[in-house]
Amino acid sequence: MARVMLALKTVLAAEDEIPVLIFDEVDANIGGETAHTVGEKMRQLAQRRQVLCITHLPQVAAPAQAHYVVTKHVKDGRTISEVRLLDKEERVTELARLLGGRSDAARKHAEALLK
């Protein structure tokens, strides 16, 4: 459903007046070149709208102008969620993590995705 909405909103971006679009699970059951295309479509859509996307695929995340990491922990019996904007180096580290590790190869791939 998220990919159908992405397709519709991409086509209708010039016509509708919805200022913010949120996509969750847009990366379900995709990978590789399809994930790259989804990321590019969202980047295009973001030229006219604010786009928030929750993803675990580096190909979907890489085209974004900004990346945030969301963490949660329990403190005094309460669950605390935190959202933090990543700087340039942290973006590389996070994309490398999504690619499967902290190896030099993963970091180089993450850097290439961000270019």
PDB file of N, CA and C in Angstrom:
ATOM      1  N   MET A   1       0.819  -1.187   0.000  1.00  0.00           N
ATOM      2  CA  MET A   1       0.000   0.000   0.000  1.00  0.00           C
ATOM      3  C   MET A   1       0.874   1.267   0.000  1.00  0.00           C
ATOM      4  N   ALA A   2       1.987   1.220   0.764  1.00  0.00           N
ATOM      5  CA  ALA A   2       2.866   2.398   0.827  1.00  0.00           C
ATOM      6  C   ALA A   2       3.444   2.714  -0.543  1.00  0.00           C
ATOM      7  N   ARG A   3       3.803   1.685  -1.317  1.00  0.00           N
ATOM      8  CA  ARG A   3       4.371   1.930  -2.658  1.00  0.00           C
ATOM      9  C   ARG A   3       3.303   2.439  -3.614  1.00  0.00           C
ATOM     10  N   VAL A   4       2.064   2.000  -3.449  1.00  0.00           N
ATOM     11  CA  VAL A   4       0.967   2.521  -4.274  1.00  0.00           C
ATOM     12  C   VAL A   4       0.777   4.004  -3.973  1.00  0.00           C
ATOM     13  N   MET A   5       0.785   4.354  -2.678  1.00  0.00           N
ATOM     14  CA  MET A   5       0.653   5.770  -2.302  1.00  0.00           C
ATOM     15  C   MET A   5       1.829   6.587  -2.819  1.00  0.00           C
ATOM     16  N   LEU A   6       3.031   6.024  -2.776  1.00  0.00           N
ATOM     17  CA  LEU A   6       4.201   6.722  -3.314  1.00  0.00           C
ATOM     18  C   LEU A   6       4.007   7.004  -4.793  1.00  0.00           C
ATOM     19  N   ALA A   7       3.535   6.025  -5.539  1.00  0.00           N
ATOM     20  CA  ALA A   7       3.289   6.224  -6.966  1.00  0.00           C
ATOM     21  C   ALA A   7       2.226   7.294  -7.202  1.00  0.00           C
ATOM     22  N   LEU A   8       1.126   7.214  -6.478  1.00  0.00           N
ATOM     23  CA  LEU A   8       0.058   8.206  -6.639  1.00  0.00           C
ATOM     24  C   LEU A   8       0.530   9.610  -6.267  1.00  0.00           C
ATOM     25  N   LYS A   9       1.208   9.733  -5.155  1.00  0.00           N
ATOM     26  CA  LYS A   9       1.662  11.051  -4.713  1.00  0.00           C
ATOM     27  C   LYS A   9       2.728  11.616  -5.638  1.00  0.00           C
ATOM     28  N   THR A  10       3.534  10.774  -6.235  1.00  0.00           N
ATOM     29  CA  THR A  10       4.526  11.245  -7.208  1.00  0.00           C
ATOM     30  C   THR A  10       3.830  11.859  -8.408  1.00  0.00           C
ATOM     31  N   VAL A  11       2.777  11.202  -8.890  1.00  0.00           N
ATOM     32  CA  VAL A  11       2.028  11.691 -10.043  1.00  0.00           C
ATOM     33  C   VAL A  11       1.234  12.947  -9.690  1.00  0.00           C
ATOM     34  N   LEU A  12       0.662  12.985  -8.496  1.00  0.00           N
ATOM     35  CA  LEU A  12      -0.228  14.076  -8.114  1.00  0.00           C
ATOM     36  C   LEU A  12       0.457  15.212  -7.347  1.00  0.00           C
ATOM     37  N   ALA A  13       1.758  15.155  -7.184  1.00  0.00           N
ATOM     38  CA  ALA A  13       2.473  16.133  -6.346  1.00  0.00           C
ATOM     39  C   ALA A  13       2.232  17.574  -6.769  1.00  0.00           C
ATOM     40  N   ALA A  14       2.090  17.816  -8.033  1.00  0.00           N
ATOM     41  CA  ALA A  14       1.886  19.188  -8.510  1.00  0.00           C
ATOM     42  C   ALA A  14       0.449  19.661  -8.284  1.00  0.00           C
ATOM     43  N   GLU A  15      -0.471  18.738  -8.023  1.00  0.00           N
ATOM     44  CA  GLU A  15      -1.884  19.081  -7.940  1.00  0.00           C
ATOM     45  C   GLU A  15      -2.453  19.154  -6.525  1.00  0.00           C
ATOM     46  N   ASP A  16      -2.025  18.268  -5.639  1.00  0.00           N
ATOM     47  CA  ASP A  16      -2.638  18.266  -4.316  1.00  0.00           C
ATOM     48  C   ASP A  16      -1.965  19.274  -3.391  1.00  0.00           C
ATOM     49  N   GLU A  17      -2.538  19.483  -2.231  1.00  0.00           N
ATOM     50  CA  GLU A  17      -2.031  20.480  -1.294  1.00  0.00           C
ATOM     51  C   GLU A  17      -1.583  19.864   0.022  1.00  0.00           C
ATOM     52  N   ILE A  18      -1.324  18.575   0.039  1.00  0.00           N
ATOM     53  CA  ILE A  18      -0.876  17.913   1.258  1.00  0.00           C
ATOM     54  C   ILE A  18       0.606  18.248   1.466  1.00  0.00           C
ATOM     55  N   PRO A  19       0.944  18.943   2.570  1.00  0.00           N
ATOM     56  CA  PRO A  19       2.315  19.418   2.740  1.00  0.00           C
ATOM     57  C   PRO A  19       3.306  18.372   3.256  1.00  0.00           C
ATOM     58  N   VAL A  20       2.831  17.354   4.001  1.00  0.00           N
ATOM     59  CA  VAL A  20       3.725  16.373   4.601  1.00  0.00           C
ATOM     60  C   VAL A  20       3.237  14.969   4.268  1.00  0.00           C
ATOM     61  N   LEU A  21       4.150  14.122   3.826  1.00  0.00           N
ATOM     62  CA  LEU A  21       3.829  12.727   3.530  1.00  0.00           C
ATOM     63  C   LEU A  21       4.712  11.842   4.394  1.00  0.00           C
ATOM     64  N   ILE A  22       4.112  10.833   5.002  1.00  0.00           N
ATOM     65  CA  ILE A  22       4.856   9.903   5.847  1.00  0.00           C
ATOM     66  C   ILE A  22       4.716   8.510   5.255  1.00  0.00           C
ATOM     67  N   PHE A  23       5.856   7.870   5.029  1.00  0.00           N
ATOM     68  CA  PHE A  23       5.881   6.512   4.486  1.00  0.00           C
ATOM     69  C   PHE A  23       6.534   5.583   5.498  1.00  0.00           C
ATOM     70  N   ASP A  24       5.844   4.509   5.810  1.00  0.00           N
ATOM     71  CA  ASP A  24       6.367   3.481   6.707  1.00  0.00           C
ATOM     72  C   ASP A  24       6.215   2.148   5.999  1.00  0.00           C
ATOM     73  N   GLU A  25       7.237   1.333   6.055  1.00  0.00           N
ATOM     74  CA  GLU A  25       7.217   0.015   5.422  1.00  0.00           C
ATOM     75  C   GLU A  25       7.190   0.096   3.895  1.00  0.00           C
ATOM     76  N   VAL A  26       7.616   1.218   3.327  1.00  0.00           N
ATOM     77  CA  VAL A  26       7.671   1.335   1.873  1.00  0.00           C
ATOM     78  C   VAL A  26       8.718   0.376   1.302  1.00  0.00           C
ATOM     79  N   ASP A  27       9.619  -0.094   2.164  1.00  0.00           N
ATOM     80  CA  ASP A  27      10.685  -0.987   1.730  1.00  0.00           C
ATOM     81  C   ASP A  27      10.356  -2.472   1.900  1.00  0.00           C
ATOM     82  N   ALA A  28       9.137  -2.791   2.323  1.00  0.00           N
ATOM     83  CA  ALA A  28       8.772  -4.193   2.562  1.00  0.00           C
ATOM     84  C   ALA A  28       8.861  -5.007   1.280  1.00  0.00           C
ATOM     85  N   ASN A  29       9.594  -6.107   1.351  1.00  0.00           N
ATOM     86  CA  ASN A  29       9.701  -7.080   0.257  1.00  0.00           C
ATOM     87  C   ASN A  29      10.340  -6.533  -1.017  1.00  0.00           C
ATOM     88  N   ILE A  30      11.204  -5.540  -0.891  1.00  0.00           N
ATOM     89  CA  ILE A  30      11.947  -5.062  -2.051  1.00  0.00           C
ATOM     90  C   ILE A  30      13.426  -5.020  -1.705  1.00  0.00           C
ATOM     91  N   GLY A  31      14.246  -4.800  -2.690  1.00  0.00           N
ATOM     92  CA  GLY A  31      15.682  -4.668  -2.480  1.00  0.00           C
ATOM     93  C   GLY A  31      16.330  -4.222  -3.771  1.00  0.00           C
ATOM     94  N   GLY A  32      17.641  -4.101  -3.751  1.00  0.00           N
ATOM     95  CA  GLY A  32      18.422  -3.803  -4.934  1.00  0.00           C
ATOM     96  C   GLY A  32      17.965  -2.595  -5.712  1.00  0.00           C
ATOM     97  N   GLU A  33      17.825  -2.775  -7.008  1.00  0.00           N
ATOM     98  CA  GLU A  33      17.479  -1.676  -7.908  1.00  0.00           C
ATOM     99  C   GLU A  33      16.091  -1.111  -7.632  1.00  0.00           C
ATOM    100  N   THR A  34      15.152  -1.956  -7.224  1.00  0.00           N
ATOM    101  CA  THR A  34      13.810  -1.469  -6.891  1.00  0.00           C
ATOM    102  C   THR A  34      13.884  -0.520  -5.697  1.00  0.00           C
ATOM    103  N   ALA A  35      14.668  -0.872  -4.688  1.00  0.00           N
ATOM    104  CA  ALA A  35      14.838  -0.006  -3.520  1.00  0.00           C
ATOM    105  C   ALA A  35      15.470   1.319  -3.927  1.00  0.00           C
ATOM    106  N   HIS A  36      16.439   1.264  -4.808  1.00  0.00           N
ATOM    107  CA  HIS A  36      17.073   2.498  -5.297  1.00  0.00           C
ATOM    108  C   HIS A  36      16.038   3.386  -6.002  1.00  0.00           C
ATOM    109  N   THR A  37      15.190   2.796  -6.816  1.00  0.00           N
ATOM    110  CA  THR A  37      14.154   3.545  -7.533  1.00  0.00           C
ATOM    111  C   THR A  37      13.162   4.167  -6.556  1.00  0.00           C
ATOM    112  N   VAL A  38      12.765   3.427  -5.534  1.00  0.00           N
ATOM    113  CA  VAL A  38      11.849   3.966  -4.524  1.00  0.00           C
ATOM    114  C   VAL A  38      12.488   5.168  -3.835  1.00  0.00           C
ATOM    115  N   GLY A  39      13.757   5.064  -3.479  1.00  0.00           N
ATOM    116  CA  GLY A  39      14.459   6.181  -2.857  1.00  0.00           C
ATOM    117  C   GLY A  39      14.515   7.402  -3.758  1.00  0.00           C
ATOM    118  N   GLU A  40      14.766   7.191  -5.029  1.00  0.00           N
ATOM    119  CA  GLU A  40      14.812   8.303  -5.989  1.00  0.00           C
ATOM    120  C   GLU A  40      13.440   8.950  -6.171  1.00  0.00           C
ATOM    121  N   LYS A  41      12.398   8.137  -6.207  1.00  0.00           N
ATOM    122  CA  LYS A  41      11.034   8.680  -6.329  1.00  0.00           C
ATOM    123  C   LYS A  41      10.684   9.534  -5.113  1.00  0.00           C
ATOM    124  N   MET A  42      11.089   9.081  -3.943  1.00  0.00           N
ATOM    125  CA  MET A  42      10.816   9.882  -2.752  1.00  0.00           C
ATOM    126  C   MET A  42      11.621  11.180  -2.766  1.00  0.00           C
ATOM    127  N   ARG A  43      12.853  11.117  -3.269  1.00  0.00           N
ATOM    128  CA  ARG A  43      13.660  12.332  -3.381  1.00  0.00           C
ATOM    129  C   ARG A  43      12.978  13.329  -4.308  1.00  0.00           C
ATOM    130  N   GLN A  44      12.448  12.857  -5.430  1.00  0.00           N
ATOM    131  CA  GLN A  44      11.729  13.723  -6.365  1.00  0.00           C
ATOM    132  C   GLN A  44      10.489  14.318  -5.716  1.00  0.00           C
ATOM    133  N   LEU A  45       9.765  13.510  -5.005  1.00  0.00           N
ATOM    134  CA  LEU A  45       8.562  13.966  -4.313  1.00  0.00           C
ATOM    135  C   LEU A  45       8.908  15.020  -3.262  1.00  0.00           C
ATOM    136  N   ALA A  46      10.050  14.864  -2.625  1.00  0.00           N
ATOM    137  CA  ALA A  46      10.481  15.795  -1.575  1.00  0.00           C
ATOM    138  C   ALA A  46      10.858  17.172  -2.124  1.00  0.00           C
ATOM    139  N   GLN A  47      10.956  17.292  -3.426  1.00  0.00           N
ATOM    140  CA  GLN A  47      11.210  18.606  -4.007  1.00  0.00           C
ATOM    141  C   GLN A  47       9.981  19.504  -3.885  1.00  0.00           C
ATOM    142  N   ARG A  48       8.806  18.895  -3.686  1.00  0.00           N
ATOM    143  CA  ARG A  48       7.552  19.647  -3.580  1.00  0.00           C
ATOM    144  C   ARG A  48       6.847  19.476  -2.232  1.00  0.00           C
ATOM    145  N   ARG A  49       7.244  18.478  -1.451  1.00  0.00           N
ATOM    146  CA  ARG A  49       6.582  18.163  -0.193  1.00  0.00           C
ATOM    147  C   ARG A  49       7.628  17.777   0.847  1.00  0.00           C
ATOM    148  N   GLN A  50       7.211  17.866   2.113  1.00  0.00           N
ATOM    149  CA  GLN A  50       8.035  17.323   3.189  1.00  0.00           C
ATOM    150  C   GLN A  50       7.763  15.828   3.228  1.00  0.00           C
ATOM    151  N   VAL A  51       8.794  15.007   3.123  1.00  0.00           N
ATOM    152  CA  VAL A  51       8.641  13.559   3.117  1.00  0.00           C
ATOM    153  C   VAL A  51       9.396  12.969   4.309  1.00  0.00           C
ATOM    154  N   LEU A  52       8.688  12.173   5.087  1.00  0.00           N
ATOM    155  CA  LEU A  52       9.301  11.415   6.179  1.00  0.00           C
ATOM    156  C   LEU A  52       9.148   9.946   5.834  1.00  0.00           C
ATOM    157  N   CYS A  53      10.245   9.208   5.926  1.00  0.00           N
ATOM    158  CA  CYS A  53      10.213   7.793   5.564  1.00  0.00           C
ATOM    159  C   CYS A  53      10.933   6.980   6.629  1.00  0.00           C
ATOM    160  N   ILE A  54      10.279   5.952   7.102  1.00  0.00           N
ATOM    161  CA  ILE A  54      10.890   5.010   8.026  1.00  0.00           C
ATOM    162  C   ILE A  54      11.325   3.815   7.191  1.00  0.00           C
ATOM    163  N   THR A  55      12.631   3.557   7.167  1.00  0.00           N
ATOM    164  CA  THR A  55      13.149   2.492   6.320  1.00  0.00           C
ATOM    165  C   THR A  55      14.337   1.805   6.970  1.00  0.00           C
ATOM    166  N   HIS A  56      14.603   0.593   6.529  1.00  0.00           N
ATOM    167  CA  HIS A  56      15.782  -0.154   6.955  1.00  0.00           C
ATOM    168  C   HIS A  56      16.667  -0.467   5.753  1.00  0.00           C
ATOM    169  N   LEU A  57      16.332   0.081   4.591  1.00  0.00           N
ATOM    170  CA  LEU A  57      17.134  -0.163   3.393  1.00  0.00           C
ATOM    171  C   LEU A  57      17.986   1.054   3.060  1.00  0.00           C
ATOM    172  N   PRO A  58      19.288   0.879   2.963  1.00  0.00           N
ATOM    173  CA  PRO A  58      20.159   2.014   2.659  1.00  0.00           C
ATOM    174  C   PRO A  58      19.879   2.631   1.293  1.00  0.00           C
ATOM    175  N   GLN A  59      19.436   1.839   0.327  1.00  0.00           N
ATOM    176  CA  GLN A  59      19.129   2.375  -1.002  1.00  0.00           C
ATOM    177  C   GLN A  59      17.937   3.322  -0.961  1.00  0.00           C
ATOM    178  N   VAL A  60      16.998   3.069  -0.062  1.00  0.00           N
ATOM    179  CA  VAL A  60      15.840   3.947   0.098  1.00  0.00           C
ATOM    180  C   VAL A  60      16.241   5.198   0.883  1.00  0.00           C
ATOM    181  N   ALA A  61      17.060   5.028   1.899  1.00  0.00           N
ATOM    182  CA  ALA A  61      17.444   6.136   2.772  1.00  0.00           C
ATOM    183  C   ALA A  61      18.441   7.099   2.129  1.00  0.00           C
ATOM    184  N   ALA A  62      19.363   6.598   1.348  1.00  0.00           N
ATOM    185  CA  ALA A  62      20.494   7.398   0.866  1.00  0.00           C
ATOM    186  C   ALA A  62      20.122   8.704   0.156  1.00  0.00           C
ATOM    187  N   PRO A  63      19.103   8.768  -0.687  1.00  0.00           N
ATOM    188  CA  PRO A  63      18.810  10.020  -1.384  1.00  0.00           C
ATOM    189  C   PRO A  63      18.272  11.153  -0.500  1.00  0.00           C
ATOM    190  N   ALA A  64      17.963  10.868   0.750  1.00  0.00           N
ATOM    191  CA  ALA A  64      17.388  11.883   1.639  1.00  0.00           C
ATOM    192  C   ALA A  64      18.377  13.013   1.919  1.00  0.00           C
ATOM    193  N   GLN A  65      17.835  14.197   2.182  1.00  0.00           N
ATOM    194  CA  GLN A  65      18.671  15.342   2.541  1.00  0.00           C
ATOM    195  C   GLN A  65      19.128  15.273   3.991  1.00  0.00           C
ATOM    196  N   ALA A  66      18.383  14.583   4.828  1.00  0.00           N
ATOM    197  CA  ALA A  66      18.725  14.469   6.247  1.00  0.00           C
ATOM    198  C   ALA A  66      18.340  13.077   6.734  1.00  0.00           C
ATOM    199  N   HIS A  67      19.097  12.598   7.695  1.00  0.00           N
ATOM    200  CA  HIS A  67      18.813  11.307   8.309  1.00  0.00           C
ATOM    201  C   HIS A  67      18.724  11.476   9.815  1.00  0.00           C
ATOM    202  N   TYR A  68      17.775  10.762  10.397  1.00  0.00           N
ATOM    203  CA  TYR A  68      17.587  10.745  11.843  1.00  0.00           C
ATOM    204  C   TYR A  68      17.673   9.304  12.299  1.00  0.00           C
ATOM    205  N   VAL A  69      18.108   9.113  13.507  1.00  0.00           N
ATOM    206  CA  VAL A  69      18.074   7.786  14.105  1.00  0.00           C
ATOM    207  C   VAL A  69      17.125   7.853  15.298  1.00  0.00           C
ATOM    208  N   VAL A  70      16.291   6.837  15.413  1.00  0.00           N
ATOM    209  CA  VAL A  70      15.330   6.754  16.508  1.00  0.00           C
ATOM    210  C   VAL A  70      15.764   5.601  17.405  1.00  0.00           C
ATOM    211  N   THR A  71      15.907   5.896  18.673  1.00  0.00           N
ATOM    212  CA  THR A  71      16.265   4.863  19.642  1.00  0.00           C
ATOM    213  C   THR A  71      15.262   4.890  20.786  1.00  0.00           C
ATOM    214  N   LYS A  72      15.185   3.782  21.487  1.00  0.00           N
ATOM    215  CA  LYS A  72      14.334   3.768  22.675  1.00  0.00           C
ATOM    216  C   LYS A  72      15.025   2.950  23.750  1.00  0.00           C
ATOM    217  N   HIS A  73      14.771   3.332  24.979  1.00  0.00           N
ATOM    218  CA  HIS A  73      15.310   2.621  26.121  1.00  0.00           C
ATOM    219  C   HIS A  73      14.345   2.770  27.295  1.00  0.00           C
ATOM    220  N   VAL A  74      14.505   1.906  28.270  1.00  0.00           N
ATOM    221  CA  VAL A  74      13.645   1.938  29.451  1.00  0.00           C
ATOM    222  C   VAL A  74      14.420   2.611  30.579  1.00  0.00           C
ATOM    223  N   LYS A  75      13.765   3.591  31.200  1.00  0.00           N
ATOM    224  CA  LYS A  75      14.358   4.311  32.331  1.00  0.00           C
ATOM    225  C   LYS A  75      13.293   4.436  33.414  1.00  0.00           C
ATOM    226  N   ASP A  76      13.608   3.927  34.584  1.00  0.00           N
ATOM    227  CA  ASP A  76      12.673   3.959  35.711  1.00  0.00           C
ATOM    228  C   ASP A  76      11.313   3.372  35.343  1.00  0.00           C
ATOM    229  N   GLY A  77      11.325   2.279  34.580  1.00  0.00           N
ATOM    230  CA  GLY A  77      10.089   1.609  34.219  1.00  0.00           C
ATOM    231  C   GLY A  77       9.311   2.253  33.083  1.00  0.00           C
ATOM    232  N   ARG A  78       9.859   3.306  32.484  1.00  0.00           N
ATOM    233  CA  ARG A  78       9.184   3.993  31.373  1.00  0.00           C
ATOM    234  C   ARG A  78      10.014   3.849  30.109  1.00  0.00           C
ATOM    235  N   THR A  79       9.338   3.667  29.002  1.00  0.00           N
ATOM    236  CA  THR A  79      10.036   3.595  27.721  1.00  0.00           C
ATOM    237  C   THR A  79      10.212   5.003  27.181  1.00  0.00           C
ATOM    238  N   ILE A  80      11.447   5.337  26.863  1.00  0.00           N
ATOM    239  CA  ILE A  80      11.797   6.657  26.351  1.00  0.00           C
ATOM    240  C   ILE A  80      12.244   6.507  24.896  1.00  0.00           C
ATOM    241  N   SER A  81      11.646   7.272  24.014  1.00  0.00           N
ATOM    242  CA  SER A  81      12.062   7.300  22.609  1.00  0.00           C
ATOM    243  C   SER A  81      12.816   8.592  22.344  1.00  0.00           C
ATOM    244  N   GLU A  82      13.884   8.487  21.580  1.00  0.00           N
ATOM    245  CA  GLU A  82      14.685   9.656  21.232  1.00  0.00           C
ATOM    246  C   GLU A  82      14.886   9.697  19.722  1.00  0.00           C
ATOM    247  N   VAL A  83      14.839  10.903  19.173  1.00  0.00           N
ATOM    248  CA  VAL A  83      15.077  11.121  17.748  1.00  0.00           C
ATOM    249  C   VAL A  83      16.244  12.095  17.642  1.00  0.00           C
ATOM    250  N   ARG A  84      17.258  11.717  16.860  1.00  0.00           N
ATOM    251  CA  ARG A  84      18.452  12.552  16.756  1.00  0.00           C
ATOM    252  C   ARG A  84      18.869  12.716  15.297  1.00  0.00           C
ATOM    253  N   LEU A  85      19.110  13.958  14.902  1.00  0.00           N
ATOM    254  CA  LEU A  85      19.602  14.268  13.557  1.00  0.00           C
ATOM    255  C   LEU A  85      21.051  13.817  13.456  1.00  0.00           C
ATOM    256  N   LEU A  86      21.380  13.121  12.377  1.00  0.00           N
ATOM    257  CA  LEU A  86      22.743  12.640  12.166  1.00  0.00           C
ATOM    258  C   LEU A  86      23.561  13.655  11.382  1.00  0.00           C
ATOM    259  N   ASP A  87      24.832  13.794  11.764  1.00  0.00           N
ATOM    260  CA  ASP A  87      25.729  14.633  10.977  1.00  0.00           C
ATOM    261  C   ASP A  87      26.270  13.807   9.805  1.00  0.00           C
ATOM    262  N   LYS A  88      27.100  14.415   8.979  1.00  0.00           N
ATOM    263  CA  LYS A  88      27.576  13.764   7.757  1.00  0.00           C
ATOM    264  C   LYS A  88      28.268  12.426   8.038  1.00  0.00           C
ATOM    265  N   GLU A  89      29.156  12.404   9.014  1.00  0.00           N
ATOM    266  CA  GLU A  89      29.889  11.173   9.338  1.00  0.00           C
ATOM    267  C   GLU A  89      28.962  10.111   9.928  1.00  0.00           C
ATOM    268  N   GLU A  90      28.031  10.535  10.762  1.00  0.00           N
ATOM    269  CA  GLU A  90      27.074   9.598  11.347  1.00  0.00           C
ATOM    270  C   GLU A  90      26.159   9.004  10.283  1.00  0.00           C
ATOM    271  N   ARG A  91      25.854   9.793   9.253  1.00  0.00           N
ATOM    272  CA  ARG A  91      25.037   9.261   8.148  1.00  0.00           C
ATOM    273  C   ARG A  91      25.758   8.103   7.474  1.00  0.00           C
ATOM    274  N   VAL A  92      27.042   8.269   7.220  1.00  0.00           N
ATOM    275  CA  VAL A  92      27.835   7.203   6.608  1.00  0.00           C
ATOM    276  C   VAL A  92      27.838   5.976   7.510  1.00  0.00           C
ATOM    277  N   THR A  93      28.069   6.191   8.791  1.00  0.00           N
ATOM    278  CA  THR A  93      28.116   5.074   9.749  1.00  0.00           C
ATOM    279  C   THR A  93      26.784   4.332   9.790  1.00  0.00           C
ATOM    280  N   GLU A  94      25.679   5.071   9.817  1.00  0.00           N
ATOM    281  CA  GLU A  94      24.363   4.430   9.889  1.00  0.00           C
ATOM    282  C   GLU A  94      24.036   3.671   8.603  1.00  0.00           C
ATOM    283  N   LEU A  95      24.333   4.251   7.453  1.00  0.00           N
ATOM    284  CA  LEU A  95      24.086   3.529   6.200  1.00  0.00           C
ATOM    285  C   LEU A  95      24.966   2.287   6.118  1.00  0.00           C
ATOM    286  N   ALA A  96      26.213   2.388   6.582  1.00  0.00           N
ATOM    287  CA  ALA A  96      27.098   1.213   6.601  1.00  0.00           C
ATOM    288  C   ALA A  96      26.506   0.126   7.490  1.00  0.00           C
ATOM    289  N   ARG A  97      25.957   0.524   8.635  1.00  0.00           N
ATOM    290  CA  ARG A  97      25.319  -0.443   9.525  1.00  0.00           C
ATOM    291  C   ARG A  97      24.149  -1.132   8.829  1.00  0.00           C
ATOM    292  N   LEU A  98      23.350  -0.358   8.106  1.00  0.00           N
ATOM    293  CA  LEU A  98      22.222  -0.935   7.370  1.00  0.00           C
ATOM    294  C   LEU A  98      22.695  -1.876   6.269  1.00  0.00           C
ATOM    295  N   LEU A  99      23.872  -1.615   5.744  1.00  0.00           N
ATOM    296  CA  LEU A  99      24.446  -2.473   4.704  1.00  0.00           C
ATOM    297  C   LEU A  99      25.019  -3.769   5.275  1.00  0.00           C
ATOM    298  N   GLY A 100      25.066  -3.860   6.587  1.00  0.00           N
ATOM    299  CA  GLY A 100      25.474  -5.123   7.178  1.00  0.00           C
ATOM    300  C   GLY A 100      26.718  -5.075   8.029  1.00  0.00           C
ATOM    301  N   GLY A 101      27.250  -3.915   8.289  1.00  0.00           N
ATOM    302  CA  GLY A 101      28.404  -3.914   9.177  1.00  0.00           C
ATOM    303  C   GLY A 101      29.172  -2.620   9.183  1.00  0.00           C
ATOM    304  N   ARG A 102      30.278  -2.683   9.846  1.00  0.00           N
ATOM    305  CA  ARG A 102      31.131  -1.511   9.993  1.00  0.00           C
ATOM    306  C   ARG A 102      32.463  -1.722   9.273  1.00  0.00           C
ATOM    307  N   SER A 103      32.479  -2.622   8.319  1.00  0.00           N
ATOM    308  CA  SER A 103      33.708  -2.896   7.576  1.00  0.00           C
ATOM    309  C   SER A 103      34.048  -1.737   6.647  1.00  0.00           C
ATOM    310  N   ASP A 104      35.277  -1.725   6.170  1.00  0.00           N
ATOM    311  CA  ASP A 104      35.695  -0.699   5.216  1.00  0.00           C
ATOM    312  C   ASP A 104      34.850  -0.757   3.947  1.00  0.00           C
ATOM    313  N   ALA A 105      34.525  -1.970   3.506  1.00  0.00           N
ATOM    314  CA  ALA A 105      33.714  -2.121   2.293  1.00  0.00           C
ATOM    315  C   ALA A 105      32.325  -1.528   2.484  1.00  0.00           C
ATOM    316  N   ALA A 106      31.717  -1.771   3.644  1.00  0.00           N
ATOM    317  CA  ALA A 106      30.378  -1.222   3.926  1.00  0.00           C
ATOM    318  C   ALA A 106      30.434   0.302   3.982  1.00  0.00           C
ATOM    319  N   ARG A 107      31.479   0.854   4.594  1.00  0.00           N
ATOM    320  CA  ARG A 107      31.615   2.315   4.674  1.00  0.00           C
ATOM    321  C   ARG A 107      31.794   2.915   3.277  1.00  0.00           C
ATOM    322  N   LYS A 108      32.595   2.284   2.442  1.00  0.00           N
ATOM    323  CA  LYS A 108      32.806   2.803   1.086  1.00  0.00           C
ATOM    324  C   LYS A 108      31.519   2.736   0.280  1.00  0.00           C
ATOM    325  N   HIS A 109      30.773   1.653   0.456  1.00  0.00           N
ATOM    326  CA  HIS A 109      29.489   1.533  -0.237  1.00  0.00           C
ATOM    327  C   HIS A 109      28.525   2.613   0.253  1.00  0.00           C
ATOM    328  N   ALA A 110      28.488   2.856   1.564  1.00  0.00           N
ATOM    329  CA  ALA A 110      27.626   3.896   2.130  1.00  0.00           C
ATOM    330  C   ALA A 110      28.015   5.267   1.576  1.00  0.00           C
ATOM    331  N   GLU A 111      29.294   5.540   1.521  1.00  0.00           N
ATOM    332  CA  GLU A 111      29.750   6.820   0.968  1.00  0.00           C
ATOM    333  C   GLU A 111      29.337   6.972  -0.487  1.00  0.00           C
ATOM    334  N   ALA A 112      29.440   5.893  -1.242  1.00  0.00           N
ATOM    335  CA  ALA A 112      29.039   5.926  -2.658  1.00  0.00           C
ATOM    336  C   ALA A 112      27.534   6.165  -2.788  1.00  0.00           C
ATOM    337  N   LEU A 113      26.735   5.551  -1.933  1.00  0.00           N
ATOM    338  CA  LEU A 113      25.280   5.764  -1.977  1.00  0.00           C
ATOM    339  C   LEU A 113      24.915   7.212  -1.685  1.00  0.00           C
ATOM    340  N   LEU A 114      25.677   7.863  -0.834  1.00  0.00           N
ATOM    341  CA  LEU A 114      25.378   9.238  -0.448  1.00  0.00           C
ATOM    342  C   LEU A 114      25.817  10.263  -1.503  1.00  0.00           C
ATOM    343  N   LYS A 115      26.639   9.862  -2.432  1.00  0.00           N
ATOM    344  CA  LYS A 115      27.110  10.803  -3.462  1.00  0.00           C
ATOM    345  C   LYS A 115      26.104  11.014  -4.555  1.00  0.00           C
TER     346      LYS A 115
END
